[in-house]
PDB file of N, CA and C in Angstrom:
ATOM      1  N   MET A   1       0.795  -0.928   0.211  1.00  0.00           N
ATOM      2  CA  MET A   1      -0.075  -0.083   0.015  1.00  0.00           C
ATOM      3  C   MET A   1       0.938   1.378   0.329  1.00  0.00           C
ATOM      4  N   LYS A   2       0.677   2.033  -0.721  1.00  0.00           N
ATOM      5  CA  LYS A   2       1.267   3.443  -1.386  1.00  0.00           C
ATOM      6  C   LYS A   2       0.938   4.545  -0.353  1.00  0.00           C
ATOM      7  N   GLY A   3       1.414   5.314   0.530  1.00  0.00           N
ATOM      8  CA  GLY A   3       1.444   6.324   1.004  1.00  0.00           C
ATOM      9  C   GLY A   3       0.631   7.762   0.357  1.00  0.00           C
ATOM     10  N   GLN A   4      -0.125   8.470   1.395  1.00  0.00           N
ATOM     11  CA  GLN A   4      -0.954   9.315   0.457  1.00  0.00           C
ATOM     12  C   GLN A   4      -0.169  10.328  -0.433  1.00  0.00           C
ATOM     13  N   ARG A   5      -0.372  11.226  -1.577  1.00  0.00           N
ATOM     14  CA  ARG A   5       0.687  11.913  -2.005  1.00  0.00           C
ATOM     15  C   ARG A   5      -0.114  13.455  -1.609  1.00  0.00           C
ATOM     16  N   TYR A   6       0.918  14.114  -1.368  1.00  0.00           N
ATOM     17  CA  TYR A   6       0.330  15.603  -0.746  1.00  0.00           C
ATOM     18  C   TYR A   6       0.992  16.861  -2.066  1.00  0.00           C
ATOM     19  N   THR A   7       0.271  17.818  -2.117  1.00  0.00           N
ATOM     20  CA  THR A   7       0.683  18.820  -2.883  1.00  0.00           C
ATOM     21  C   THR A   7       1.680  19.722  -2.685  1.00  0.00           C
ATOM     22  N   LYS A   8       2.715  20.058  -3.506  1.00  0.00           N
ATOM     23  CA  LYS A   8       3.530  20.890  -3.141  1.00  0.00           C
ATOM     24  C   LYS A   8       3.162  22.121  -2.037  1.00  0.00           C
ATOM     25  N   GLU A   9       1.926  23.221  -2.290  1.00  0.00           N
ATOM     26  CA  GLU A   9       1.610  23.745  -1.566  1.00  0.00           C
ATOM     27  C   GLU A   9       1.084  23.577  -0.208  1.00  0.00           C
ATOM     28  N   PHE A  10       0.403  22.475  -0.114  1.00  0.00           N
ATOM     29  CA  PHE A  10       0.215  21.848   1.204  1.00  0.00           C
ATOM     30  C   PHE A  10       1.417  21.691   2.103  1.00  0.00           C
ATOM     31  N   LYS A  11       2.340  21.087   1.145  1.00  0.00           N
ATOM     32  CA  LYS A  11       3.597  20.801   2.145  1.00  0.00           C
ATOM     33  C   LYS A  11       4.170  22.228   2.926  1.00  0.00           C
ATOM     34  N   GLU A  12       4.309  23.013   1.921  1.00  0.00           N
ATOM     35  CA  GLU A  12       4.763  24.288   2.327  1.00  0.00           C
ATOM     36  C   GLU A  12       3.880  25.063   3.214  1.00  0.00           C
ATOM     37  N   MET A  13       2.485  24.558   3.238  1.00  0.00           N
ATOM     38  CA  MET A  13       1.557  25.660   4.302  1.00  0.00           C
ATOM     39  C   MET A  13       2.174  24.946   5.594  1.00  0.00           C
ATOM     40  N   VAL A  14       2.010  23.639   5.502  1.00  0.00           N
ATOM     41  CA  VAL A  14       2.445  22.893   6.826  1.00  0.00           C
ATOM     42  C   VAL A  14       3.777  23.089   7.061  1.00  0.00           C
ATOM     43  N   ILE A  15       4.636  23.641   6.449  1.00  0.00           N
ATOM     44  CA  ILE A  15       6.170  23.744   6.747  1.00  0.00           C
ATOM     45  C   ILE A  15       6.171  25.058   7.445  1.00  0.00           C
ATOM     46  N   GLN A  16       5.209  26.196   6.866  1.00  0.00           N
ATOM     47  CA  GLN A  16       5.078  27.322   7.217  1.00  0.00           C
ATOM     48  C   GLN A  16       4.602  27.485   8.625  1.00  0.00           C
ATOM     49  N   GLU A  17       3.627  26.762   8.613  1.00  0.00           N
ATOM     50  CA  GLU A  17       2.972  26.636  10.376  1.00  0.00           C
ATOM     51  C   GLU A  17       4.011  26.128  11.326  1.00  0.00           C
ATOM     52  N   VAL A  18       4.914  25.181  10.805  1.00  0.00           N
ATOM     53  CA  VAL A  18       6.019  24.648  11.846  1.00  0.00           C
ATOM     54  C   VAL A  18       6.630  25.451  12.240  1.00  0.00           C
ATOM     55  N   ASN A  19       7.181  26.477  11.130  1.00  0.00           N
ATOM     56  CA  ASN A  19       8.091  27.390  11.470  1.00  0.00           C
ATOM     57  C   ASN A  19       7.644  28.572  12.138  1.00  0.00           C
ATOM     58  N   GLU A  20       6.432  28.319  12.242  1.00  0.00           N
ATOM     59  CA  GLU A  20       5.261  29.941  13.065  1.00  0.00           C
ATOM     60  C   GLU A  20       5.291  29.518  14.562  1.00  0.00           C
ATOM     61  N   ALA A  21       5.085  28.114  14.880  1.00  0.00           N
ATOM     62  CA  ALA A  21       4.622  27.471  15.943  1.00  0.00           C
ATOM     63  C   ALA A  21       5.600  26.883  16.470  1.00  0.00           C
ATOM     64  N   ASN A  22       6.532  26.288  15.985  1.00  0.00           N
ATOM     65  CA  ASN A  22       8.024  25.975  16.449  1.00  0.00           C
ATOM     66  C   ASN A  22       7.191  24.462  17.221  1.00  0.00           C
ATOM     67  N   ASP A  23       6.315  23.816  16.889  1.00  0.00           N
ATOM     68  CA  ASP A  23       5.905  22.507  17.378  1.00  0.00           C
ATOM     69  C   ASP A  23       5.700  21.775  16.281  1.00  0.00           C
ATOM     70  N   VAL A  24       6.505  20.877  16.011  1.00  0.00           N
ATOM     71  CA  VAL A  24       6.103  19.919  14.863  1.00  0.00           C
ATOM     72  C   VAL A  24       5.222  18.880  15.315  1.00  0.00           C
ATOM     73  N   ALA A  25       5.100  18.564  16.411  1.00  0.00           N
ATOM     74  CA  ALA A  25       4.358  17.188  17.055  1.00  0.00           C
ATOM     75  C   ALA A  25       2.746  18.187  16.797  1.00  0.00           C
ATOM     76  N   GLN A  26       2.509  19.236  17.400  1.00  0.00           N
ATOM     77  CA  GLN A  26       1.235  19.928  17.550  1.00  0.00           C
ATOM     78  C   GLN A  26       0.466  19.866  15.878  1.00  0.00           C
ATOM     79  N   VAL A  27       1.356  20.833  14.983  1.00  0.00           N
ATOM     80  CA  VAL A  27       1.014  20.916  13.760  1.00  0.00           C
ATOM     81  C   VAL A  27       0.530  18.791  13.158  1.00  0.00           C
ATOM     82  N   ALA A  28       1.916  18.337  13.317  1.00  0.00           N
ATOM     83  CA  ALA A  28       1.570  16.818  12.895  1.00  0.00           C
ATOM     84  C   ALA A  28       0.235  16.534  13.116  1.00  0.00           C
ATOM     85  N   ARG A  29      -0.579  16.331  14.668  1.00  0.00           N
ATOM     86  CA  ARG A  29      -1.555  16.017  14.659  1.00  0.00           C
ATOM     87  C   ARG A  29      -2.813  17.024  14.141  1.00  0.00           C
ATOM     88  N   ARG A  30      -2.636  17.939  14.150  1.00  0.00           N
ATOM     89  CA  ARG A  30      -3.530  18.879  13.714  1.00  0.00           C
ATOM     90  C   ARG A  30      -3.761  18.622  12.256  1.00  0.00           C
ATOM     91  N   HIS A  31      -2.816  17.906  11.607  1.00  0.00           N
ATOM     92  CA  HIS A  31      -3.003  17.498  10.202  1.00  0.00           C
ATOM     93  C   HIS A  31      -3.214  16.224   9.687  1.00  0.00           C
ATOM     94  N   ASP A  32      -2.905  15.702  10.764  1.00  0.00           N
ATOM     95  CA  ASP A  32      -3.129  14.167  10.812  1.00  0.00           C
ATOM     96  C   ASP A  32      -1.828  13.432   9.929  1.00  0.00           C
ATOM     97  N   LEU A  33      -0.775  13.659  10.495  1.00  0.00           N
ATOM     98  CA  LEU A  33       0.561  13.567   9.781  1.00  0.00           C
ATOM     99  C   LEU A  33       1.506  12.823  10.664  1.00  0.00           C
ATOM    100  N   SER A  34       2.518  12.374  10.449  1.00  0.00           N
ATOM    101  CA  SER A  34       3.816  11.792  10.841  1.00  0.00           C
ATOM    102  C   SER A  34       4.679  12.824  11.424  1.00  0.00           C
ATOM    103  N   PRO A  35       5.310  13.109  12.533  1.00  0.00           N
ATOM    104  CA  PRO A  35       6.100  14.061  12.436  1.00  0.00           C
ATOM    105  C   PRO A  35       7.644  13.960  11.521  1.00  0.00           C
ATOM    106  N   LYS A  36       7.744  12.596  11.178  1.00  0.00           N
ATOM    107  CA  LYS A  36       8.795  12.322  10.624  1.00  0.00           C
ATOM    108  C   LYS A  36       8.689  12.950   9.288  1.00  0.00           C
ATOM    109  N   THR A  37       7.716  12.564   8.880  1.00  0.00           N
ATOM    110  CA  THR A  37       6.796  12.923   7.767  1.00  0.00           C
ATOM    111  C   THR A  37       7.378  14.833   7.184  1.00  0.00           C
ATOM    112  N   ILE A  38       7.018  15.578   8.123  1.00  0.00           N
ATOM    113  CA  ILE A  38       7.059  16.957   8.322  1.00  0.00           C
ATOM    114  C   ILE A  38       8.668  16.970   8.537  1.00  0.00           C
ATOM    115  N   TYR A  39       9.290  16.869   9.012  1.00  0.00           N
ATOM    116  CA  TYR A  39      10.861  16.874   9.299  1.00  0.00           C
ATOM    117  C   TYR A  39      11.881  16.376   7.754  1.00  0.00           C
ATOM    118  N   ARG A  40      10.934  15.356   7.298  1.00  0.00           N
ATOM    119  CA  ARG A  40      11.714  15.140   5.560  1.00  0.00           C
ATOM    120  C   ARG A  40      11.285  16.269   4.898  1.00  0.00           C
ATOM    121  N   TRP A  41       9.803  16.572   4.917  1.00  0.00           N
ATOM    122  CA  TRP A  41       9.869  17.719   3.997  1.00  0.00           C
ATOM    123  C   TRP A  41      10.416  18.920   4.185  1.00  0.00           C
ATOM    124  N   LYS A  42      10.708  19.087   5.397  1.00  0.00           N
ATOM    125  CA  LYS A  42      11.740  20.532   5.802  1.00  0.00           C
ATOM    126  C   LYS A  42      13.096  20.609   5.173  1.00  0.00           C
ATOM    127  N   ALA A  43      13.866  19.097   5.261  1.00  0.00           N
ATOM    128  CA  ALA A  43      14.898  18.706   4.875  1.00  0.00           C
ATOM    129  C   ALA A  43      15.006  18.902   3.248  1.00  0.00           C
ATOM    130  N   ASP A  44      13.524  18.184   2.711  1.00  0.00           N
ATOM    131  CA  ASP A  44      13.449  18.778   1.155  1.00  0.00           C
ATOM    132  C   ASP A  44      13.339  19.861   0.589  1.00  0.00           C
ATOM    133  N   MET A  45      12.818  20.873   1.473  1.00  0.00           N
ATOM    134  CA  MET A  45      12.612  22.121   1.147  1.00  0.00           C
ATOM    135  C   MET A  45      13.594  22.901   0.959  1.00  0.00           C
ATOM    136  N   LYS A  46      14.990  22.356   2.161  1.00  0.00           N
ATOM    137  CA  LYS A  46      16.311  23.307   2.204  1.00  0.00           C
ATOM    138  C   LYS A  46      16.896  22.969   0.771  1.00  0.00           C
ATOM    139  N   HIS A  47      16.649  21.300   0.634  1.00  0.00           N
ATOM    140  CA  HIS A  47      17.551  20.918  -0.453  1.00  0.00           C
ATOM    141  C   HIS A  47      17.226  21.776  -1.883  1.00  0.00           C
ATOM    142  N   LYS A  48      15.668  21.783  -1.970  1.00  0.00           N
ATOM    143  CA  LYS A  48      15.110  22.617  -3.061  1.00  0.00           C
ATOM    144  C   LYS A  48      15.525  24.008  -3.408  1.00  0.00           C
ATOM    145  N   ALA A  49      16.097  24.685  -2.244  1.00  0.00           N
ATOM    146  CA  ALA A  49      16.355  26.107  -2.044  1.00  0.00           C
ATOM    147  C   ALA A  49      17.738  26.140  -2.665  1.00  0.00           C
ATOM    148  N   TRP A  50      18.379  25.017  -2.497  1.00  0.00           N
ATOM    149  CA  TRP A  50      19.864  24.908  -2.920  1.00  0.00           C
ATOM    150  C   TRP A  50      19.583  25.352  -4.387  1.00  0.00           C
ATOM    151  N   GLU A  51      18.911  23.939  -5.157  1.00  0.00           N
ATOM    152  CA  GLU A  51      18.692  23.813  -6.314  1.00  0.00           C
ATOM    153  C   GLU A  51      18.692  25.314  -7.186  1.00  0.00           C
ATOM    154  N   VAL A  52      17.556  25.977  -6.429  1.00  0.00           N
ATOM    155  CA  VAL A  52      17.356  27.196  -7.116  1.00  0.00           C
ATOM    156  C   VAL A  52      18.272  28.660  -6.832  1.00  0.00           C
ATOM    157  N   THR A  53      19.159  28.613  -6.121  1.00  0.00           N
ATOM    158  CA  THR A  53      19.886  29.188  -5.908  1.00  0.00           C
ATOM    159  C   THR A  53      21.291  29.726  -6.814  1.00  0.00           C
ATOM    160  N   GLU A  54      21.498  30.773  -7.599  1.00  0.00           N
ATOM    161  CA  GLU A  54      22.274  31.251  -8.322  1.00  0.00           C
ATOM    162  C   GLU A  54      23.338  30.452  -8.569  1.00  0.00           C
ATOM    163  N   PRO A  55      24.128  30.044  -9.287  1.00  0.00           N
ATOM    164  CA  PRO A  55      25.357  29.271  -9.367  1.00  0.00           C
ATOM    165  C   PRO A  55      26.631  30.214  -9.245  1.00  0.00           C
ATOM    166  N   SER A  56      26.573  31.307  -9.351  1.00  0.00           N
ATOM    167  CA  SER A  56      27.593  32.301  -8.859  1.00  0.00           C
ATOM    168  C   SER A  56      27.761  32.367  -7.403  1.00  0.00           C
ATOM    169  N   ALA A  57      26.591  32.434  -7.058  1.00  0.00           N
ATOM    170  CA  ALA A  57      26.337  32.260  -5.089  1.00  0.00           C
ATOM    171  C   ALA A  57      26.825  31.204  -4.598  1.00  0.00           C
ATOM    172  N   LYS A  58      27.053  30.343  -5.642  1.00  0.00           N
ATOM    173  CA  LYS A  58      27.434  28.878  -4.876  1.00  0.00           C
ATOM    174  C   LYS A  58      29.087  28.918  -4.811  1.00  0.00           C
ATOM    175  N   LYS A  59      29.351  29.535  -5.547  1.00  0.00           N
ATOM    176  CA  LYS A  59      30.980  29.589  -5.640  1.00  0.00           C
ATOM    177  C   LYS A  59      31.578  30.467  -4.368  1.00  0.00           C
ATOM    178  N   THR A  60      32.837  29.351  -4.062  1.00  0.00           N
ATOM    179  CA  THR A  60      33.249  30.199  -2.875  1.00  0.00           C
ATOM    180  C   THR A  60      34.816  29.910  -3.370  1.00  0.00           C
ATOM    181  N   ALA A  61      35.405  31.198  -3.168  1.00  0.00           N
ATOM    182  CA  ALA A  61      36.771  31.922  -3.538  1.00  0.00           C
ATOM    183  C   ALA A  61      37.789  30.782  -2.330  1.00  0.00           C
ATOM    184  N   ALA A  62      39.098  30.513  -2.822  1.00  0.00           N
ATOM    185  CA  ALA A  62      39.857  30.108  -2.386  1.00  0.00           C
ATOM    186  C   ALA A  62      40.952  31.197  -1.758  1.00  0.00           C
ATOM    187  N   TYR A  63      41.071  31.190  -0.474  1.00  0.00           N
ATOM    188  CA  TYR A  63      41.750  32.184   0.400  1.00  0.00           C
ATOM    189  C   TYR A  63      43.526  32.035   0.124  1.00  0.00           C
ATOM    190  N   THR A  64      43.751  32.990  -0.603  1.00  0.00           N
ATOM    191  CA  THR A  64      45.332  33.158  -1.083  1.00  0.00           C
ATOM    192  C   THR A  64      46.152  34.554  -0.039  1.00  0.00           C
ATOM    193  N   PRO A  65      46.825  34.237   1.054  1.00  0.00           N
ATOM    194  CA  PRO A  65      47.469  35.068   1.690  1.00  0.00           C
ATOM    195  C   PRO A  65      48.491  35.689   0.740  1.00  0.00           C
ATOM    196  N   THR A  66      48.303  37.314   1.205  1.00  0.00           N
ATOM    197  CA  THR A  66      49.489  37.998   0.389  1.00  0.00           C
ATOM    198  C   THR A  66      50.746  37.947   0.814  1.00  0.00           C
ATOM    199  N   SER A  67      52.035  38.306   0.036  1.00  0.00           N
ATOM    200  CA  SER A  67      53.386  37.959   0.384  1.00  0.00           C
ATOM    201  C   SER A  67      53.516  38.228   1.801  1.00  0.00           C
ATOM    202  N   GLN A  68      52.963  39.256   2.374  1.00  0.00           N
ATOM    203  CA  GLN A  68      53.434  39.605   3.843  1.00  0.00           C
ATOM    204  C   GLN A  68      52.768  38.768   4.957  1.00  0.00           C
ATOM    205  N   GLU A  69      51.394  38.441   4.384  1.00  0.00           N
ATOM    206  CA  GLU A  69      50.716  37.278   5.588  1.00  0.00           C
ATOM    207  C   GLU A  69      51.589  36.238   5.529  1.00  0.00           C
ATOM    208  N   PHE A  70      51.664  35.603   3.945  1.00  0.00           N
ATOM    209  CA  PHE A  70      52.652  34.281   4.014  1.00  0.00           C
ATOM    210  C   PHE A  70      53.663  34.493   4.723  1.00  0.00           C
ATOM    211  N   LYS A  71      54.813  35.461   4.736  1.00  0.00           N
ATOM    212  CA  LYS A  71      55.810  35.446   5.704  1.00  0.00           C
ATOM    213  C   LYS A  71      55.546  35.817   6.909  1.00  0.00           C
ATOM    214  N   GLN A  72      54.411  35.866   7.556  1.00  0.00           N
ATOM    215  CA  GLN A  72      54.058  36.051   8.785  1.00  0.00           C
ATOM    216  C   GLN A  72      53.742  34.516   9.302  1.00  0.00           C
ATOM    217  N   LEU A  73      52.904  34.185   8.656  1.00  0.00           N
ATOM    218  CA  LEU A  73      52.442  32.598   8.704  1.00  0.00           C
ATOM    219  C   LEU A  73      53.505  31.703   8.789  1.00  0.00           C
ATOM    220  N   GLU A  74      54.739  31.746   7.791  1.00  0.00           N
ATOM    221  CA  GLU A  74      55.846  30.876   7.959  1.00  0.00           C
ATOM    222  C   GLU A  74      56.812  31.266   9.263  1.00  0.00           C
ATOM    223  N   ASN A  75      56.718  32.556   9.494  1.00  0.00           N
ATOM    224  CA  ASN A  75      57.645  33.202  10.847  1.00  0.00           C
ATOM    225  C   ASN A  75      56.528  32.291  12.297  1.00  0.00           C
ATOM    226  N   GLU A  76      55.716  32.172  12.185  1.00  0.00           N
ATOM    227  CA  GLU A  76      54.775  31.864  13.031  1.00  0.00           C
ATOM    228  C   GLU A  76      54.882  30.094  13.229  1.00  0.00           C
ATOM    229  N   ASN A  77      54.802  29.827  11.943  1.00  0.00           N
ATOM    230  CA  ASN A  77      55.262  28.100  11.773  1.00  0.00           C
ATOM    231  C   ASN A  77      56.342  27.906  12.477  1.00  0.00           C
ATOM    232  N   GLY A  78      57.345  28.621  11.890  1.00  0.00           N
ATOM    233  CA  GLY A  78      59.009  28.452  12.688  1.00  0.00           C
ATOM    234  C   GLY A  78      59.004  28.453  14.316  1.00  0.00           C
ATOM    235  N   GLN A  79      58.258  29.181  14.581  1.00  0.00           N
ATOM    236  CA  GLN A  79      58.241  29.493  16.091  1.00  0.00           C
ATOM    237  C   GLN A  79      57.451  28.107  16.581  1.00  0.00           C
ATOM    238  N   LEU A  80      56.410  28.158  16.353  1.00  0.00           N
ATOM    239  CA  LEU A  80      55.474  26.969  16.749  1.00  0.00           C
ATOM    240  C   LEU A  80      56.080  25.244  16.978  1.00  0.00           C
ATOM    241  N   LYS A  81      57.034  25.411  15.450  1.00  0.00           N
ATOM    242  CA  LYS A  81      57.873  24.057  15.789  1.00  0.00           C
ATOM    243  C   LYS A  81      58.969  24.116  16.255  1.00  0.00           C
ATOM    244  N   LYS A  82      59.438  24.965  16.916  1.00  0.00           N
ATOM    245  CA  LYS A  82      60.841  25.048  18.055  1.00  0.00           C
ATOM    246  C   LYS A  82      60.162  25.166  18.947  1.00  0.00           C
ATOM    247  N   LEU A  83      58.900  25.714  19.364  1.00  0.00           N
ATOM    248  CA  LEU A  83      58.569  25.344  20.840  1.00  0.00           C
ATOM    249  C   LEU A  83      58.307  23.821  21.060  1.00  0.00           C
ATOM    250  N   LEU A  84      57.523  23.229  20.073  1.00  0.00           N
ATOM    251  CA  LEU A  84      57.086  21.614  20.116  1.00  0.00           C
ATOM    252  C   LEU A  84      58.602  21.005  20.432  1.00  0.00           C
ATOM    253  N   GLY A  85      59.948  21.465  19.736  1.00  0.00           N
ATOM    254  CA  GLY A  85      60.938  20.657  19.672  1.00  0.00           C
ATOM    255  C   GLY A  85      61.245  20.840  21.133  1.00  0.00           C
ATOM    256  N   GLU A  86      61.205  21.950  21.635  1.00  0.00           N
ATOM    257  CA  GLU A  86      61.533  22.525  23.000  1.00  0.00           C
ATOM    258  C   GLU A  86      60.939  21.223  24.192  1.00  0.00           C
ATOM    259  N   LYS A  87      59.742  21.355  23.692  1.00  0.00           N
ATOM    260  CA  LYS A  87      58.706  20.528  24.796  1.00  0.00           C
ATOM    261  C   LYS A  87      58.946  19.189  24.469  1.00  0.00           C
ATOM    262  N   ASP A  88      59.189  18.677  23.436  1.00  0.00           N
ATOM    263  CA  ASP A  88      59.434  17.190  23.219  1.00  0.00           C
ATOM    264  C   ASP A  88      61.027  16.568  24.073  1.00  0.00           C
ATOM    265  N   LEU A  89      62.042  17.803  23.664  1.00  0.00           N
ATOM    266  CA  LEU A  89      62.934  17.574  24.395  1.00  0.00           C
ATOM    267  C   LEU A  89      63.169  17.494  25.928  1.00  0.00           C
ATOM    268  N   GLU A  90      61.953  18.094  26.661  1.00  0.00           N
ATOM    269  CA  GLU A  90      61.788  18.315  27.847  1.00  0.00           C
ATOM    270  C   GLU A  90      61.021  17.046  28.634  1.00  0.00           C
ATOM    271  N   ILE A  91      60.398  16.725  27.762  1.00  0.00           N
ATOM    272  CA  ILE A  91      59.163  15.463  28.213  1.00  0.00           C
ATOM    273  C   ILE A  91      60.344  14.344  28.018  1.00  0.00           C
ATOM    274  N   ALA A  92      61.371  14.061  26.975  1.00  0.00           N
ATOM    275  CA  ALA A  92      62.404  13.194  27.021  1.00  0.00           C
ATOM    276  C   ALA A  92      63.020  13.180  28.107  1.00  0.00           C
ATOM    277  N   ILE A  93      63.901  14.365  28.615  1.00  0.00           N
ATOM    278  CA  ILE A  93      64.444  14.469  29.601  1.00  0.00           C
ATOM    279  C   ILE A  93      63.756  14.140  31.143  1.00  0.00           C
ATOM    280  N   LEU A  94      62.706  14.457  31.531  1.00  0.00           N
ATOM    281  CA  LEU A  94      61.950  14.056  32.478  1.00  0.00           C
ATOM    282  C   LEU A  94      61.608  12.551  32.624  1.00  0.00           C
ATOM    283  N   ARG A  95      61.249  12.050  31.555  1.00  0.00           N
ATOM    284  CA  ARG A  95      61.208  10.654  31.393  1.00  0.00           C
ATOM    285  C   ARG A  95      62.451   9.870  31.600  1.00  0.00           C
ATOM    286  N   ASP A  96      63.426  10.301  31.356  1.00  0.00           N
ATOM    287  CA  ASP A  96      64.877  10.178  31.134  1.00  0.00           C
ATOM    288  C   ASP A  96      65.352   9.947  32.936  1.00  0.00           C
ATOM    289  N   LEU A  97      65.203  11.129  33.498  1.00  0.00           N
ATOM    290  CA  LEU A  97      65.320  11.332  35.270  1.00  0.00           C
ATOM    291  C   LEU A  97      64.249  10.530  35.749  1.00  0.00           C
ATOM    292  N   LEU A  98      62.942  10.255  35.219  1.00  0.00           N
ATOM    293  CA  LEU A  98      61.977   9.375  36.148  1.00  0.00           C
ATOM    294  C   LEU A  98      62.587   7.982  36.077  1.00  0.00           C
ATOM    295  N   LYS A  99      63.226   7.549  35.268  1.00  0.00           N
ATOM    296  CA  LYS A  99      63.797   6.193  35.064  1.00  0.00           C
ATOM    297  C   LYS A  99      65.166   5.951  36.018  1.00  0.00           C
ATOM    298  N   LYS A 100      65.918   6.819  36.131  1.00  0.00           N
ATOM    299  CA  LYS A 100      66.974   6.854  36.912  1.00  0.00           C
ATOM    300  C   LYS A 100      66.715   6.964  38.414  1.00  0.00           C
ATOM    301  N   SER A 101      65.802   7.783  38.406  1.00  0.00           N
ATOM    302  CA  SER A 101      65.296   8.035  40.072  1.00  0.00           C
ATOM    303  C   SER A 101      64.360   6.533  40.405  1.00  0.00           C
ATOM    304  N   GLN A 102      63.573   6.266  40.042  1.00  0.00           N
ATOM    305  CA  GLN A 102      62.859   5.118  39.861  1.00  0.00           C
ATOM    306  C   GLN A 102      62.842   4.068  38.886  1.00  0.00           C
ATOM    307  N   PRO A 103      63.944   3.141  39.143  1.00  0.00           N
ATOM    308  CA  PRO A 103      64.226   2.450  38.131  1.00  0.00           C
ATOM    309  C   PRO A 103      63.057   1.214  37.732  1.00  0.00           C
ATOM    310  N   GLY A 104      62.172   0.722  38.626  1.00  0.00           N
ATOM    311  CA  GLY A 104      60.932  -0.194  38.900  1.00  0.00           C
ATOM    312  C   GLY A 104      60.036   0.532  37.920  1.00  0.00           C
ATOM    313  N   TYR A 105      59.671   1.931  37.596  1.00  0.00           N
ATOM    314  CA  TYR A 105      58.761   2.648  37.596  1.00  0.00           C
ATOM    315  C   TYR A 105      59.072   2.285  35.620  1.00  0.00           C
ATOM    316  N   ARG A 106      57.851   1.711  35.171  1.00  0.00           N
ATOM    317  CA  ARG A 106      57.468   1.785  33.421  1.00  0.00           C
ATOM    318  C   ARG A 106      56.822   3.139  32.848  1.00  0.00           C
ATOM    319  N   ILE A 107      57.378   3.397  31.640  1.00  0.00           N
ATOM    320  CA  ILE A 107      56.336   4.600  31.123  1.00  0.00           C
ATOM    321  C   ILE A 107      56.266   3.917  29.923  1.00  0.00           C
ATOM    322  N   LYS A 108      54.874   4.328  29.432  1.00  0.00           N
ATOM    323  CA  LYS A 108      54.476   3.680  28.171  1.00  0.00           C
ATOM    324  C   LYS A 108      55.748   4.516  27.138  1.00  0.00           C
TER     325      LYS A 108
END
């Protein structure tokens, strides 16, 4: 048995009611529908809006930093790498010290 078919206008009216009332269950009961059906209609309507959007509006430009910004990013990256190296060295020294002070202590 196939489900009942509803017109586009009816679906839009129900979705508009849901948006105004902010209560899917109440609107579903009023129209004798399943809340899942209304959620599916809402998702479909969002998808339909994407289809009618102009292609130029859908394009996203890739960010390309200027030469000054690029140099700044390179400097920051270098500082972070140096800091990470120092922290790794510090951890290795502390682990070594822990092994020497407590020979039975195991470190993963």
